[in-house]
Amino acid sequence: MNLPSQIIIGFIAALHLYILWLEMFAWTTRGRKVFKTIPADQFEKTKVMAANQGLYNGFLAAGLIWSLIITNADWSKNIALFFLSCVLVAGIYGALTASKRIFYVQAVPAILGLASLFLWGSF
């Protein structure tokens, strides 16, 4: 896999690890500062739901990290393509249902990652 794709994918994986931490372990503390539009009394009530979402973000990060450590170039690109597409779908869905900001935080980096695979990859 090409270096620009690896850098973008590494950034997206790190972002999703941060989201995992935020939603699973810091929802009622740091989450209040990040998600200012959610009423304060809702954080404790939605703690389990947020942890579930965090776990899914962890799966996305794991898949992206997996794509970086696979030694077979074709498999590496295909796994990256799959997980970047998952991130893109999640970002679009989140933007349509929760907050437009999610599009810029999740979908745009995924689009950049996908573009880098197609521009500098051998697809």
N, C-alpha and C. Protein backbone atom coordinates (compact mmCIF):
# COMPACT_ATOMS: atom_id res chain seq x y z
N MET A 1 0.86 -1.18 0.00
CA MET A 1 0.00 0.00 0.00
C MET A 1 0.90 1.24 0.00
N ASN A 2 0.45 2.28 -0.64
CA ASN A 2 1.26 3.49 -0.75
C ASN A 2 1.30 4.28 0.56
N LEU A 3 2.34 5.08 0.73
CA LEU A 3 2.55 5.82 1.97
C LEU A 3 1.44 6.82 2.29
N PRO A 4 0.96 7.62 1.32
CA PRO A 4 -0.14 8.53 1.66
C PRO A 4 -1.37 7.80 2.21
N SER A 5 -1.70 6.65 1.62
CA SER A 5 -2.84 5.86 2.11
C SER A 5 -2.58 5.37 3.52
N GLN A 6 -1.37 4.90 3.77
CA GLN A 6 -1.03 4.41 5.10
C GLN A 6 -1.15 5.51 6.15
N ILE A 7 -0.71 6.70 5.81
CA ILE A 7 -0.79 7.83 6.76
C ILE A 7 -2.25 8.18 7.03
N ILE A 8 -3.05 8.28 5.99
CA ILE A 8 -4.47 8.61 6.16
C ILE A 8 -5.18 7.52 6.95
N ILE A 9 -4.93 6.27 6.61
CA ILE A 9 -5.57 5.16 7.31
C ILE A 9 -5.13 5.13 8.78
N GLY A 10 -3.86 5.38 9.03
CA GLY A 10 -3.37 5.45 10.41
C GLY A 10 -4.06 6.54 11.20
N PHE A 11 -4.26 7.70 10.57
CA PHE A 11 -4.97 8.81 11.23
C PHE A 11 -6.41 8.42 11.54
N ILE A 12 -7.09 7.80 10.57
CA ILE A 12 -8.48 7.41 10.77
C ILE A 12 -8.59 6.35 11.86
N ALA A 13 -7.66 5.40 11.87
CA ALA A 13 -7.66 4.38 12.93
C ALA A 13 -7.47 5.03 14.30
N ALA A 14 -6.53 5.97 14.40
CA ALA A 14 -6.31 6.67 15.67
C ALA A 14 -7.55 7.46 16.09
N LEU A 15 -8.20 8.09 15.13
CA LEU A 15 -9.43 8.82 15.41
C LEU A 15 -10.50 7.89 15.99
N HIS A 16 -10.64 6.72 15.41
CA HIS A 16 -11.66 5.78 15.88
C HIS A 16 -11.28 5.15 17.22
N LEU A 17 -10.00 5.02 17.49
CA LEU A 17 -9.58 4.59 18.83
C LEU A 17 -9.92 5.66 19.86
N TYR A 18 -9.76 6.92 19.47
CA TYR A 18 -10.16 8.03 20.36
C TYR A 18 -11.66 8.00 20.61
N ILE A 19 -12.44 7.78 19.55
CA ILE A 19 -13.89 7.72 19.70
C ILE A 19 -14.27 6.54 20.60
N LEU A 20 -13.59 5.39 20.42
CA LEU A 20 -13.82 4.24 21.30
C LEU A 20 -13.61 4.65 22.76
N TRP A 21 -12.47 5.26 23.04
CA TRP A 21 -12.16 5.69 24.42
C TRP A 21 -13.23 6.66 24.93
N LEU A 22 -13.55 7.64 24.10
CA LEU A 22 -14.51 8.66 24.51
C LEU A 22 -15.88 8.07 24.83
N GLU A 23 -16.36 7.20 23.96
CA GLU A 23 -17.71 6.67 24.14
C GLU A 23 -17.78 5.53 25.15
N MET A 24 -16.71 4.76 25.28
CA MET A 24 -16.75 3.63 26.21
C MET A 24 -16.30 3.99 27.63
N PHE A 25 -15.33 4.87 27.75
CA PHE A 25 -14.71 5.10 29.05
C PHE A 25 -14.82 6.53 29.57
N ALA A 26 -15.12 7.48 28.70
CA ALA A 26 -15.15 8.88 29.15
C ALA A 26 -16.45 9.58 28.78
N TRP A 27 -17.50 8.81 28.56
CA TRP A 27 -18.77 9.37 28.11
C TRP A 27 -19.34 10.38 29.10
N THR A 28 -19.29 10.07 30.38
CA THR A 28 -19.91 10.96 31.39
C THR A 28 -18.95 12.05 31.86
N THR A 29 -17.70 12.02 31.42
CA THR A 29 -16.75 13.06 31.82
C THR A 29 -16.37 13.91 30.60
N ARG A 30 -15.46 13.45 29.80
CA ARG A 30 -15.01 14.18 28.61
C ARG A 30 -16.12 14.29 27.57
N GLY A 31 -16.98 13.29 27.50
CA GLY A 31 -18.07 13.32 26.54
C GLY A 31 -18.96 14.54 26.68
N ARG A 32 -19.16 14.99 27.89
CA ARG A 32 -19.97 16.18 28.13
C ARG A 32 -19.36 17.42 27.47
N LYS A 33 -18.03 17.46 27.42
CA LYS A 33 -17.34 18.61 26.83
C LYS A 33 -17.32 18.54 25.31
N VAL A 34 -17.30 17.33 24.79
CA VAL A 34 -17.24 17.15 23.34
C VAL A 34 -18.62 17.28 22.71
N PHE A 35 -19.62 16.68 23.34
CA PHE A 35 -20.98 16.68 22.81
C PHE A 35 -21.84 17.69 23.58
N LYS A 36 -21.60 18.94 23.30
CA LYS A 36 -22.24 20.03 24.06
C LYS A 36 -23.74 20.18 23.77
N THR A 37 -24.19 19.62 22.66
CA THR A 37 -25.62 19.76 22.33
C THR A 37 -26.49 18.75 23.07
N ILE A 38 -25.86 17.75 23.70
CA ILE A 38 -26.62 16.75 24.45
C ILE A 38 -26.84 17.30 25.86
N PRO A 39 -28.08 17.30 26.34
CA PRO A 39 -28.34 17.78 27.69
C PRO A 39 -27.55 16.98 28.74
N ALA A 40 -27.03 17.65 29.73
CA ALA A 40 -26.16 17.03 30.74
C ALA A 40 -26.81 15.82 31.42
N ASP A 41 -28.11 15.89 31.64
CA ASP A 41 -28.78 14.79 32.33
C ASP A 41 -28.88 13.51 31.47
N GLN A 42 -28.55 13.59 30.21
CA GLN A 42 -28.66 12.43 29.31
C GLN A 42 -27.41 11.55 29.28
N PHE A 43 -26.31 12.06 29.77
CA PHE A 43 -25.07 11.28 29.67
C PHE A 43 -25.11 10.00 30.50
N GLU A 44 -25.55 10.08 31.70
CA GLU A 44 -25.63 8.88 32.54
C GLU A 44 -26.65 7.91 31.96
N LYS A 45 -27.77 8.43 31.46
CA LYS A 45 -28.83 7.58 30.91
C LYS A 45 -28.40 6.87 29.62
N THR A 46 -27.48 7.46 28.88
CA THR A 46 -27.08 6.90 27.59
C THR A 46 -25.69 6.26 27.64
N LYS A 47 -25.17 6.04 28.82
CA LYS A 47 -23.82 5.50 28.99
C LYS A 47 -23.64 4.14 28.30
N VAL A 48 -24.59 3.24 28.47
CA VAL A 48 -24.48 1.91 27.86
C VAL A 48 -24.58 1.99 26.34
N MET A 49 -25.48 2.81 25.85
CA MET A 49 -25.63 2.99 24.41
C MET A 49 -24.34 3.57 23.81
N ALA A 50 -23.77 4.55 24.47
CA ALA A 50 -22.53 5.16 23.97
C ALA A 50 -21.40 4.14 23.97
N ALA A 51 -21.33 3.32 25.00
CA ALA A 51 -20.28 2.29 25.06
C ALA A 51 -20.43 1.31 23.91
N ASN A 52 -21.66 0.97 23.56
CA ASN A 52 -21.91 0.09 22.42
C ASN A 52 -21.40 0.73 21.13
N GLN A 53 -21.69 2.00 20.94
CA GLN A 53 -21.21 2.72 19.76
C GLN A 53 -19.69 2.77 19.76
N GLY A 54 -19.10 2.97 20.93
CA GLY A 54 -17.65 3.00 21.03
C GLY A 54 -17.02 1.69 20.61
N LEU A 55 -17.67 0.59 21.00
CA LEU A 55 -17.17 -0.73 20.62
C LEU A 55 -17.15 -0.88 19.10
N TYR A 56 -18.20 -0.43 18.43
CA TYR A 56 -18.24 -0.51 16.97
C TYR A 56 -17.13 0.33 16.35
N ASN A 57 -16.86 1.49 16.93
CA ASN A 57 -15.75 2.31 16.44
C ASN A 57 -14.42 1.59 16.63
N GLY A 58 -14.31 0.83 17.70
CA GLY A 58 -13.11 0.03 17.92
C GLY A 58 -12.94 -1.03 16.84
N PHE A 59 -14.04 -1.63 16.41
CA PHE A 59 -13.96 -2.62 15.33
C PHE A 59 -13.48 -1.97 14.03
N LEU A 60 -13.95 -0.75 13.76
CA LEU A 60 -13.48 -0.04 12.57
C LEU A 60 -11.98 0.22 12.67
N ALA A 61 -11.53 0.68 13.83
CA ALA A 61 -10.10 0.93 14.03
C ALA A 61 -9.30 -0.35 13.87
N ALA A 62 -9.79 -1.44 14.43
CA ALA A 62 -9.08 -2.72 14.34
C ALA A 62 -8.93 -3.15 12.88
N GLY A 63 -9.98 -3.00 12.11
CA GLY A 63 -9.91 -3.36 10.69
C GLY A 63 -8.92 -2.50 9.93
N LEU A 64 -8.91 -1.22 10.22
CA LEU A 64 -7.98 -0.33 9.54
C LEU A 64 -6.53 -0.64 9.93
N ILE A 65 -6.31 -0.92 11.21
CA ILE A 65 -4.96 -1.31 11.66
C ILE A 65 -4.56 -2.62 11.00
N TRP A 66 -5.49 -3.55 10.92
CA TRP A 66 -5.23 -4.83 10.26
C TRP A 66 -4.76 -4.59 8.82
N SER A 67 -5.42 -3.66 8.13
CA SER A 67 -5.04 -3.38 6.74
C SER A 67 -3.61 -2.86 6.64
N LEU A 68 -3.13 -2.22 7.68
CA LEU A 68 -1.77 -1.67 7.67
C LEU A 68 -0.70 -2.72 7.95
N ILE A 69 -1.07 -3.81 8.62
CA ILE A 69 -0.05 -4.79 8.99
C ILE A 69 -0.05 -6.04 8.11
N ILE A 70 -1.02 -6.14 7.23
CA ILE A 70 -1.05 -7.27 6.29
C ILE A 70 0.11 -7.10 5.30
N THR A 71 0.87 -8.15 5.09
CA THR A 71 2.03 -8.04 4.20
C THR A 71 1.68 -8.22 2.72
N ASN A 72 0.59 -8.89 2.42
CA ASN A 72 0.17 -9.07 1.04
C ASN A 72 -0.48 -7.77 0.55
N ALA A 73 0.10 -7.16 -0.48
CA ALA A 73 -0.35 -5.85 -0.95
C ALA A 73 -1.81 -5.84 -1.40
N ASP A 74 -2.23 -6.88 -2.11
CA ASP A 74 -3.62 -6.92 -2.58
C ASP A 74 -4.60 -7.03 -1.42
N TRP A 75 -4.30 -7.93 -0.49
CA TRP A 75 -5.18 -8.07 0.68
C TRP A 75 -5.20 -6.79 1.49
N SER A 76 -4.06 -6.16 1.67
CA SER A 76 -3.97 -4.93 2.44
C SER A 76 -4.89 -3.87 1.85
N LYS A 77 -4.82 -3.68 0.54
CA LYS A 77 -5.68 -2.69 -0.13
C LYS A 77 -7.15 -3.05 -0.03
N ASN A 78 -7.46 -4.33 -0.21
CA ASN A 78 -8.87 -4.75 -0.17
C ASN A 78 -9.46 -4.61 1.23
N ILE A 79 -8.71 -4.96 2.25
CA ILE A 79 -9.19 -4.79 3.62
C ILE A 79 -9.36 -3.30 3.93
N ALA A 80 -8.39 -2.48 3.50
CA ALA A 80 -8.50 -1.03 3.70
C ALA A 80 -9.73 -0.48 2.99
N LEU A 81 -9.95 -0.93 1.76
CA LEU A 81 -11.11 -0.48 0.99
C LEU A 81 -12.41 -0.81 1.72
N PHE A 82 -12.50 -2.04 2.24
CA PHE A 82 -13.71 -2.44 2.95
C PHE A 82 -13.94 -1.58 4.20
N PHE A 83 -12.91 -1.44 5.04
CA PHE A 83 -13.12 -0.71 6.29
C PHE A 83 -13.26 0.79 6.08
N LEU A 84 -12.57 1.36 5.11
CA LEU A 84 -12.80 2.77 4.79
C LEU A 84 -14.22 2.99 4.28
N SER A 85 -14.74 2.04 3.51
CA SER A 85 -16.12 2.13 3.04
C SER A 85 -17.09 2.06 4.21
N CYS A 86 -16.80 1.21 5.20
CA CYS A 86 -17.64 1.14 6.41
C CYS A 86 -17.63 2.47 7.15
N VAL A 87 -16.46 3.07 7.28
CA VAL A 87 -16.34 4.37 7.95
C VAL A 87 -17.13 5.42 7.17
N LEU A 88 -17.03 5.39 5.85
CA LEU A 88 -17.77 6.34 5.01
C LEU A 88 -19.27 6.19 5.22
N VAL A 89 -19.77 4.97 5.18
CA VAL A 89 -21.21 4.74 5.38
C VAL A 89 -21.63 5.22 6.77
N ALA A 90 -20.84 4.90 7.79
CA ALA A 90 -21.16 5.35 9.15
C ALA A 90 -21.16 6.87 9.23
N GLY A 91 -20.22 7.51 8.56
CA GLY A 91 -20.16 8.98 8.57
C GLY A 91 -21.34 9.62 7.88
N ILE A 92 -21.74 9.06 6.76
CA ILE A 92 -22.90 9.59 6.04
C ILE A 92 -24.17 9.39 6.86
N TYR A 93 -24.33 8.19 7.40
CA TYR A 93 -25.52 7.89 8.21
C TYR A 93 -25.57 8.80 9.44
N GLY A 94 -24.44 8.96 10.10
CA GLY A 94 -24.39 9.84 11.27
C GLY A 94 -24.72 11.28 10.93
N ALA A 95 -24.25 11.73 9.78
CA ALA A 95 -24.54 13.10 9.35
C ALA A 95 -26.02 13.29 9.05
N LEU A 96 -26.64 12.26 8.50
CA LEU A 96 -28.06 12.36 8.16
C LEU A 96 -28.97 12.22 9.39
N THR A 97 -28.52 11.47 10.39
CA THR A 97 -29.41 11.17 11.52
C THR A 97 -29.05 11.87 12.82
N ALA A 98 -27.80 12.28 12.99
CA ALA A 98 -27.40 12.83 14.29
C ALA A 98 -26.86 14.25 14.18
N SER A 99 -25.79 14.44 13.42
CA SER A 99 -25.16 15.75 13.33
C SER A 99 -24.39 15.86 12.01
N LYS A 100 -24.54 16.98 11.34
CA LYS A 100 -23.83 17.21 10.07
C LYS A 100 -22.32 17.18 10.29
N ARG A 101 -21.88 17.51 11.49
CA ARG A 101 -20.46 17.53 11.83
C ARG A 101 -19.81 16.15 11.65
N ILE A 102 -20.59 15.10 11.84
CA ILE A 102 -20.06 13.75 11.71
C ILE A 102 -19.55 13.50 10.29
N PHE A 103 -20.18 14.13 9.31
CA PHE A 103 -19.72 13.98 7.93
C PHE A 103 -18.27 14.43 7.80
N TYR A 104 -17.94 15.56 8.41
CA TYR A 104 -16.59 16.11 8.30
C TYR A 104 -15.58 15.34 9.15
N VAL A 105 -16.04 14.81 10.27
CA VAL A 105 -15.13 14.09 11.18
C VAL A 105 -14.86 12.66 10.69
N GLN A 106 -15.86 11.99 10.14
CA GLN A 106 -15.70 10.60 9.75
C GLN A 106 -15.70 10.39 8.23
N ALA A 107 -16.69 10.94 7.55
CA ALA A 107 -16.82 10.64 6.12
C ALA A 107 -15.72 11.27 5.28
N VAL A 108 -15.39 12.51 5.54
CA VAL A 108 -14.36 13.19 4.73
C VAL A 108 -13.01 12.47 4.83
N PRO A 109 -12.52 12.13 6.03
CA PRO A 109 -11.27 11.37 6.07
C PRO A 109 -11.36 10.03 5.32
N ALA A 110 -12.51 9.36 5.42
CA ALA A 110 -12.68 8.09 4.70
C ALA A 110 -12.63 8.33 3.18
N ILE A 111 -13.25 9.39 2.72
CA ILE A 111 -13.20 9.74 1.29
C ILE A 111 -11.76 9.98 0.86
N LEU A 112 -11.00 10.70 1.69
CA LEU A 112 -9.59 10.95 1.38
C LEU A 112 -8.79 9.65 1.33
N GLY A 113 -9.07 8.76 2.28
CA GLY A 113 -8.40 7.46 2.28
C GLY A 113 -8.73 6.64 1.05
N LEU A 114 -10.01 6.60 0.70
CA LEU A 114 -10.43 5.87 -0.49
C LEU A 114 -9.81 6.48 -1.75
N ALA A 115 -9.81 7.80 -1.82
CA ALA A 115 -9.22 8.48 -2.98
C ALA A 115 -7.74 8.16 -3.09
N SER A 116 -7.05 8.13 -1.96
CA SER A 116 -5.61 7.83 -2.01
C SER A 116 -5.36 6.41 -2.51
N LEU A 117 -6.22 5.49 -2.13
CA LEU A 117 -6.07 4.11 -2.63
C LEU A 117 -6.26 4.05 -4.14
N PHE A 118 -7.24 4.81 -4.65
CA PHE A 118 -7.50 4.77 -6.07
C PHE A 118 -6.51 5.60 -6.89
N LEU A 119 -6.04 6.72 -6.32
CA LEU A 119 -5.11 7.57 -7.05
C LEU A 119 -3.70 7.00 -7.10
N TRP A 120 -3.23 6.47 -5.96
CA TRP A 120 -1.85 6.00 -5.89
C TRP A 120 -1.75 4.48 -5.77
N GLY A 121 -2.88 3.83 -5.70
CA GLY A 121 -2.87 2.37 -5.63
C GLY A 121 -2.89 1.78 -7.02
N SER A 122 -2.98 0.50 -7.08
CA SER A 122 -3.00 -0.16 -8.40
C SER A 122 -4.36 -0.81 -8.66
N PHE A 123 -5.43 -0.04 -8.42
CA PHE A 123 -6.77 -0.55 -8.69
C PHE A 123 -7.09 -0.37 -10.16
